[in-house]
Amino acid sequence: MTTTVTSLELRQPPERVASPPASDKELSFREIRDIALDAYRTLYRSVGDPHHWTSRILPDDRLDREIHDEATRIFVLLADDIVAGWFELEMRRSLKSARIVHLGIMPAFRGRGLADHLVSKAIVTGFSEGAERLTIETNTLDHPAALPLYRKHGFTPYATRMVQTPAIESVEALAREHHTPAPTSMVAGDAPR
């Protein structure tokens, strides 16, 4: 299927940082270092499947290289120690640039105002590492609130392009050929519950 991808950038930290929404749950962020592949796949597929995310449906060796690269940082938003959302940053210090690679709220936590808080944390984290430019992309298959949310936080579009997005099933079949197990649960290592 054909989708329109919008690339956005932020050149300075915004003055406004979203406060955590009122919640009966304790909210916190945690960086997950050396995340287990199955735990990452659970995060990725839970948020991405409804929006046809396919870039990280990869054989184990390729996924391992991508998410355990020294430039990659993964954070989870916890609500009473349950994963409510997550984001992945790619930090390119030599370029003074950071990219929000993936960002999303887990299905059970949507509609609670957490996305605003999650985007703010991703922005603050990106700029705290010395970035002078923070980028993010969204496309027409993503949640319809994504583009307005990013713009609300000060991101401005700098490019659009049309891309062919492969069907998840075809990407899964290719990954299976390379012996990639299906996502299961977050049970390995220090993966969140």
C-alpha atoms as a PDB file:
ATOM      1  CA  MET A   1       0.000   0.000   0.000  1.00  0.00           C
ATOM      2  CA  THR A   2       1.132   3.541  -0.681  1.00  0.00           C
ATOM      3  CA  THR A   3       1.545   5.938   2.223  1.00  0.00           C
ATOM      4  CA  THR A   4       2.655   9.531   2.600  1.00  0.00           C
ATOM      5  CA  VAL A   5       5.519   9.992   5.054  1.00  0.00           C
ATOM      6  CA  THR A   6       5.987  13.380   6.714  1.00  0.00           C
ATOM      7  CA  SER A   7       9.418  14.154   8.176  1.00  0.00           C
ATOM      8  CA  LEU A   8       9.438  16.729  10.973  1.00  0.00           C
ATOM      9  CA  GLU A   9      12.175  18.480  12.916  1.00  0.00           C
ATOM     10  CA  LEU A  10      12.636  20.451  16.100  1.00  0.00           C
ATOM     11  CA  ARG A  11      15.650  22.766  16.345  1.00  0.00           C
ATOM     12  CA  GLN A  12      15.429  23.728  20.009  1.00  0.00           C
ATOM     13  CA  PRO A  13      13.781  22.360  23.113  1.00  0.00           C
ATOM     14  CA  PRO A  14      10.289  23.748  23.540  1.00  0.00           C
ATOM     15  CA  GLU A  15       9.518  26.116  26.386  1.00  0.00           C
ATOM     16  CA  ARG A  16       6.471  24.045  27.272  1.00  0.00           C
ATOM     17  CA  VAL A  17       7.028  20.581  28.691  1.00  0.00           C
ATOM     18  CA  ALA A  18       3.882  18.549  29.162  1.00  0.00           C
ATOM     19  CA  SER A  19       3.071  17.647  32.728  1.00  0.00           C
ATOM     20  CA  PRO A  20       2.013  14.120  33.491  1.00  0.00           C
ATOM     21  CA  PRO A  21      -1.743  13.729  33.125  1.00  0.00           C
ATOM     22  CA  ALA A  22      -3.870  13.305  36.220  1.00  0.00           C
ATOM     23  CA  SER A  23      -3.828   9.600  36.911  1.00  0.00           C
ATOM     24  CA  ASP A  24      -4.677   7.157  39.639  1.00  0.00           C
ATOM     25  CA  LYS A  25      -1.505   5.308  38.648  1.00  0.00           C
ATOM     26  CA  GLU A  26       2.084   6.201  39.472  1.00  0.00           C
ATOM     27  CA  LEU A  27       3.824   7.196  36.230  1.00  0.00           C
ATOM     28  CA  SER A  28       7.560   6.826  35.682  1.00  0.00           C
ATOM     29  CA  PHE A  29      10.066   6.375  32.871  1.00  0.00           C
ATOM     30  CA  ARG A  30      12.753   3.741  32.678  1.00  0.00           C
ATOM     31  CA  GLU A  31      15.495   3.192  30.148  1.00  0.00           C
ATOM     32  CA  ILE A  32      15.756  -0.439  29.093  1.00  0.00           C
ATOM     33  CA  ARG A  33      19.318  -1.391  28.252  1.00  0.00           C
ATOM     34  CA  ASP A  34      20.016  -4.700  26.532  1.00  0.00           C
ATOM     35  CA  ILE A  35      16.313  -5.355  26.002  1.00  0.00           C
ATOM     36  CA  ALA A  36      15.521  -8.957  25.091  1.00  0.00           C
ATOM     37  CA  LEU A  37      14.525  -9.374  21.449  1.00  0.00           C
ATOM     38  CA  ASP A  38      11.144 -10.888  22.324  1.00  0.00           C
ATOM     39  CA  ALA A  39      10.449  -8.057  24.775  1.00  0.00           C
ATOM     40  CA  TYR A  40      11.253  -5.489  22.092  1.00  0.00           C
ATOM     41  CA  ARG A  41       9.054  -7.324  19.606  1.00  0.00           C
ATOM     42  CA  THR A  42       6.176  -7.242  22.085  1.00  0.00           C
ATOM     43  CA  LEU A  43       6.493  -3.465  22.458  1.00  0.00           C
ATOM     44  CA  TYR A  44       6.891  -2.952  18.736  1.00  0.00           C
ATOM     45  CA  ARG A  45       4.060  -5.213  17.604  1.00  0.00           C
ATOM     46  CA  SER A  46       1.621  -4.064  20.299  1.00  0.00           C
ATOM     47  CA  VAL A  47       1.867  -0.462  19.143  1.00  0.00           C
ATOM     48  CA  GLY A  48       2.833  -0.926  15.513  1.00  0.00           C
ATOM     49  CA  ASP A  49       0.686  -3.715  14.099  1.00  0.00           C
ATOM     50  CA  PRO A  50      -2.502  -1.614  13.783  1.00  0.00           C
ATOM     51  CA  HIS A  51      -0.460   0.985  11.875  1.00  0.00           C
ATOM     52  CA  HIS A  52       1.441  -1.455   9.642  1.00  0.00           C
ATOM     53  CA  TRP A  53       4.866  -0.878  11.165  1.00  0.00           C
ATOM     54  CA  THR A  54       7.275  -3.254   9.456  1.00  0.00           C
ATOM     55  CA  SER A  55      10.796  -1.817   9.762  1.00  0.00           C
ATOM     56  CA  ARG A  56      11.672  -3.875  12.846  1.00  0.00           C
ATOM     57  CA  ILE A  57      10.123  -7.189  11.793  1.00  0.00           C
ATOM     58  CA  LEU A  58      13.581  -8.612  11.257  1.00  0.00           C
ATOM     59  CA  PRO A  59      15.572 -11.789  11.769  1.00  0.00           C
ATOM     60  CA  ASP A  60      17.205 -11.979  15.194  1.00  0.00           C
ATOM     61  CA  ASP A  61      20.697 -10.982  14.083  1.00  0.00           C
ATOM     62  CA  ARG A  62      19.517  -7.849  12.263  1.00  0.00           C
ATOM     63  CA  LEU A  63      17.124  -6.803  15.017  1.00  0.00           C
ATOM     64  CA  ASP A  64      19.875  -7.315  17.590  1.00  0.00           C
ATOM     65  CA  ARG A  65      22.222  -5.022  15.635  1.00  0.00           C
ATOM     66  CA  GLU A  66      19.531  -2.343  15.291  1.00  0.00           C
ATOM     67  CA  ILE A  67      18.280  -2.152  18.874  1.00  0.00           C
ATOM     68  CA  HIS A  68      21.567  -2.846  20.655  1.00  0.00           C
ATOM     69  CA  ASP A  69      23.569  -0.316  18.645  1.00  0.00           C
ATOM     70  CA  GLU A  70      25.334   2.146  20.955  1.00  0.00           C
ATOM     71  CA  ALA A  71      23.345   4.994  19.368  1.00  0.00           C
ATOM     72  CA  THR A  72      19.979   3.418  20.235  1.00  0.00           C
ATOM     73  CA  ARG A  73      18.174   4.116  23.505  1.00  0.00           C
ATOM     74  CA  ILE A  74      14.813   2.631  24.481  1.00  0.00           C
ATOM     75  CA  PHE A  75      12.579   4.039  27.214  1.00  0.00           C
ATOM     76  CA  VAL A  76       9.306   2.781  28.619  1.00  0.00           C
ATOM     77  CA  LEU A  77       6.569   4.756  30.324  1.00  0.00           C
ATOM     78  CA  LEU A  78       5.362   2.767  33.312  1.00  0.00           C
ATOM     79  CA  ALA A  79       1.980   3.128  34.992  1.00  0.00           C
ATOM     80  CA  ASP A  80       2.203   1.298  38.320  1.00  0.00           C
ATOM     81  CA  ASP A  81       5.069  -0.758  36.840  1.00  0.00           C
ATOM     82  CA  ILE A  82       3.031  -1.792  33.779  1.00  0.00           C
ATOM     83  CA  VAL A  83       4.264  -0.646  30.367  1.00  0.00           C
ATOM     84  CA  ALA A  84       1.913   2.073  29.139  1.00  0.00           C
ATOM     85  CA  GLY A  85       4.060   3.371  26.275  1.00  0.00           C
ATOM     86  CA  TRP A  86       7.573   3.513  24.903  1.00  0.00           C
ATOM     87  CA  PHE A  87       9.924   5.363  22.621  1.00  0.00           C
ATOM     88  CA  GLU A  88      13.157   4.595  20.822  1.00  0.00           C
ATOM     89  CA  LEU A  89      15.786   7.265  20.185  1.00  0.00           C
ATOM     90  CA  GLU A  90      18.731   7.169  17.839  1.00  0.00           C
ATOM     91  CA  MET A  91      21.425   9.520  19.118  1.00  0.00           C
ATOM     92  CA  ARG A  92      24.040  10.695  16.621  1.00  0.00           C
ATOM     93  CA  ARG A  93      26.309  12.786  18.827  1.00  0.00           C
ATOM     94  CA  SER A  94      28.851  13.461  16.080  1.00  0.00           C
ATOM     95  CA  LEU A  95      26.069  15.039  14.034  1.00  0.00           C
ATOM     96  CA  LYS A  96      24.481  16.700  17.090  1.00  0.00           C
ATOM     97  CA  SER A  97      21.269  15.046  16.001  1.00  0.00           C
ATOM     98  CA  ALA A  98      18.714  12.689  17.494  1.00  0.00           C
ATOM     99  CA  ARG A  99      15.808  10.860  15.903  1.00  0.00           C
ATOM    100  CA  ILE A 100      12.686   9.543  17.557  1.00  0.00           C
ATOM    101  CA  VAL A 101      12.573   6.235  15.703  1.00  0.00           C
ATOM    102  CA  HIS A 102       9.434   4.814  17.294  1.00  0.00           C
ATOM    103  CA  LEU A 103       6.973   6.141  19.831  1.00  0.00           C
ATOM    104  CA  GLY A 104       3.616   4.840  20.955  1.00  0.00           C
ATOM    105  CA  ILE A 105       1.097   4.159  23.672  1.00  0.00           C
ATOM    106  CA  MET A 106       0.126   0.570  24.424  1.00  0.00           C
ATOM    107  CA  PRO A 107      -3.484  -0.196  23.389  1.00  0.00           C
ATOM    108  CA  ALA A 108      -4.843  -0.574  26.944  1.00  0.00           C
ATOM    109  CA  PHE A 109      -3.571   2.914  27.846  1.00  0.00           C
ATOM    110  CA  ARG A 110      -4.805   4.917  24.862  1.00  0.00           C
ATOM    111  CA  GLY A 111      -7.170   7.808  25.439  1.00  0.00           C
ATOM    112  CA  ARG A 112      -5.707   8.743  28.835  1.00  0.00           C
ATOM    113  CA  GLY A 113      -3.584  11.724  27.784  1.00  0.00           C
ATOM    114  CA  LEU A 114      -0.299   9.841  28.062  1.00  0.00           C
ATOM    115  CA  ALA A 115       0.943  10.527  24.521  1.00  0.00           C
ATOM    116  CA  ASP A 116       1.549  14.210  25.291  1.00  0.00           C
ATOM    117  CA  HIS A 117       3.693  13.232  28.285  1.00  0.00           C
ATOM    118  CA  LEU A 118       5.541  10.570  26.260  1.00  0.00           C
ATOM    119  CA  VAL A 119       6.411  12.974  23.426  1.00  0.00           C
ATOM    120  CA  SER A 120       7.637  15.567  25.942  1.00  0.00           C
ATOM    121  CA  LYS A 121       9.923  13.011  27.584  1.00  0.00           C
ATOM    122  CA  ALA A 122      11.308  11.917  24.210  1.00  0.00           C
ATOM    123  CA  ILE A 123      12.053  15.548  23.309  1.00  0.00           C
ATOM    124  CA  VAL A 124      13.702  16.346  26.642  1.00  0.00           C
ATOM    125  CA  THR A 125      15.775  13.152  26.452  1.00  0.00           C
ATOM    126  CA  GLY A 126      16.911  13.852  22.895  1.00  0.00           C
ATOM    127  CA  PHE A 127      18.029  17.388  23.660  1.00  0.00           C
ATOM    128  CA  SER A 128      19.610  16.432  26.998  1.00  0.00           C
ATOM    129  CA  GLU A 129      22.133  14.340  25.069  1.00  0.00           C
ATOM    130  CA  GLY A 130      23.443  17.378  23.200  1.00  0.00           C
ATOM    131  CA  ALA A 131      21.311  17.200  20.073  1.00  0.00           C
ATOM    132  CA  GLU A 132      20.758  20.453  18.244  1.00  0.00           C
ATOM    133  CA  ARG A 133      18.164  18.882  15.972  1.00  0.00           C
ATOM    134  CA  LEU A 134      15.514  16.288  16.771  1.00  0.00           C
ATOM    135  CA  THR A 135      13.582  14.541  14.008  1.00  0.00           C
ATOM    136  CA  ILE A 136      10.567  12.266  13.802  1.00  0.00           C
ATOM    137  CA  GLU A 137       8.506  10.794  10.987  1.00  0.00           C
ATOM    138  CA  THR A 138       4.862   9.872  10.734  1.00  0.00           C
ATOM    139  CA  ASN A 139       2.783   8.530   7.888  1.00  0.00           C
ATOM    140  CA  THR A 140      -0.823   8.256   6.821  1.00  0.00           C
ATOM    141  CA  LEU A 141      -1.145   4.799   8.412  1.00  0.00           C
ATOM    142  CA  ASP A 142      -0.155   6.073  11.876  1.00  0.00           C
ATOM    143  CA  HIS A 143      -2.694   7.178  14.466  1.00  0.00           C
ATOM    144  CA  PRO A 144      -4.505  10.251  13.101  1.00  0.00           C
ATOM    145  CA  ALA A 145      -3.534  12.248  16.210  1.00  0.00           C
ATOM    146  CA  ALA A 146       0.218  11.715  15.640  1.00  0.00           C
ATOM    147  CA  LEU A 147       0.920  14.586  13.244  1.00  0.00           C
ATOM    148  CA  PRO A 148      -1.124  17.179  15.187  1.00  0.00           C
ATOM    149  CA  LEU A 149       0.546  16.024  18.429  1.00  0.00           C
ATOM    150  CA  TYR A 150       4.045  16.434  17.013  1.00  0.00           C
ATOM    151  CA  ARG A 151       3.177  19.869  15.657  1.00  0.00           C
ATOM    152  CA  LYS A 152       1.736  20.854  19.037  1.00  0.00           C
ATOM    153  CA  HIS A 153       5.158  20.093  20.525  1.00  0.00           C
ATOM    154  CA  GLY A 154       6.899  22.390  18.050  1.00  0.00           C
ATOM    155  CA  PHE A 155       7.943  19.967  15.316  1.00  0.00           C
ATOM    156  CA  THR A 156       7.716  21.433  11.824  1.00  0.00           C
ATOM    157  CA  PRO A 157       7.513  19.437   8.587  1.00  0.00           C
ATOM    158  CA  TYR A 158      10.545  19.656   6.324  1.00  0.00           C
ATOM    159  CA  ALA A 159       9.820  16.907   3.773  1.00  0.00           C
ATOM    160  CA  THR A 160       7.149  14.536   2.527  1.00  0.00           C
ATOM    161  CA  ARG A 161       7.493  11.491   0.335  1.00  0.00           C
ATOM    162  CA  MET A 162       5.392   8.620  -0.941  1.00  0.00           C
ATOM    163  CA  VAL A 163       6.485   5.107   0.050  1.00  0.00           C
ATOM    164  CA  GLN A 164       5.274   1.597  -0.569  1.00  0.00           C
ATOM    165  CA  THR A 165       4.568  -0.095   2.753  1.00  0.00           C
ATOM    166  CA  PRO A 166       4.745  -3.884   2.539  1.00  0.00           C
ATOM    167  CA  ALA A 167       1.985  -5.969   4.062  1.00  0.00           C
ATOM    168  CA  ILE A 168       2.887  -7.183   7.543  1.00  0.00           C
ATOM    169  CA  GLU A 169       2.197 -10.762   6.472  1.00  0.00           C
ATOM    170  CA  SER A 170       4.822 -10.656   3.716  1.00  0.00           C
ATOM    171  CA  VAL A 171       7.423  -9.181   6.074  1.00  0.00           C
ATOM    172  CA  GLU A 172       6.574 -11.803   8.709  1.00  0.00           C
ATOM    173  CA  ALA A 173       6.999 -14.589   6.153  1.00  0.00           C
ATOM    174  CA  LEU A 174      10.439 -13.293   5.225  1.00  0.00           C
ATOM    175  CA  ALA A 175      11.432 -13.035   8.892  1.00  0.00           C
ATOM    176  CA  ARG A 176      10.208 -16.607   9.524  1.00  0.00           C
ATOM    177  CA  GLU A 177      12.438 -17.829   6.706  1.00  0.00           C
ATOM    178  CA  HIS A 178      15.318 -16.461   8.777  1.00  0.00           C
ATOM    179  CA  HIS A 179      14.093 -18.278  11.909  1.00  0.00           C
ATOM    180  CA  THR A 180      12.723 -15.256  13.729  1.00  0.00           C
ATOM    181  CA  PRO A 181      10.398 -16.406  16.519  1.00  0.00           C
ATOM    182  CA  ALA A 182       7.015 -14.773  16.890  1.00  0.00           C
ATOM    183  CA  PRO A 183       6.763 -12.186  19.661  1.00  0.00           C
ATOM    184  CA  THR A 184       5.755 -13.755  22.943  1.00  0.00           C
ATOM    185  CA  SER A 185       5.997 -11.801  26.163  1.00  0.00           C
ATOM    186  CA  MET A 186       8.318  -9.571  28.129  1.00  0.00           C
ATOM    187  CA  VAL A 187       9.891 -12.199  30.339  1.00  0.00           C
ATOM    188  CA  ALA A 188      13.602 -12.024  29.581  1.00  0.00           C
ATOM    189  CA  GLY A 189      16.219 -10.008  31.390  1.00  0.00           C
ATOM    190  CA  ASP A 190      15.136  -6.730  32.895  1.00  0.00           C
ATOM    191  CA  ALA A 191      12.248  -6.301  30.455  1.00  0.00           C
ATOM    192  CA  PRO A 192       9.231  -4.516  31.906  1.00  0.00           C
ATOM    193  CA  ARG A 193       6.044  -6.261  32.918  1.00  0.00           C
END
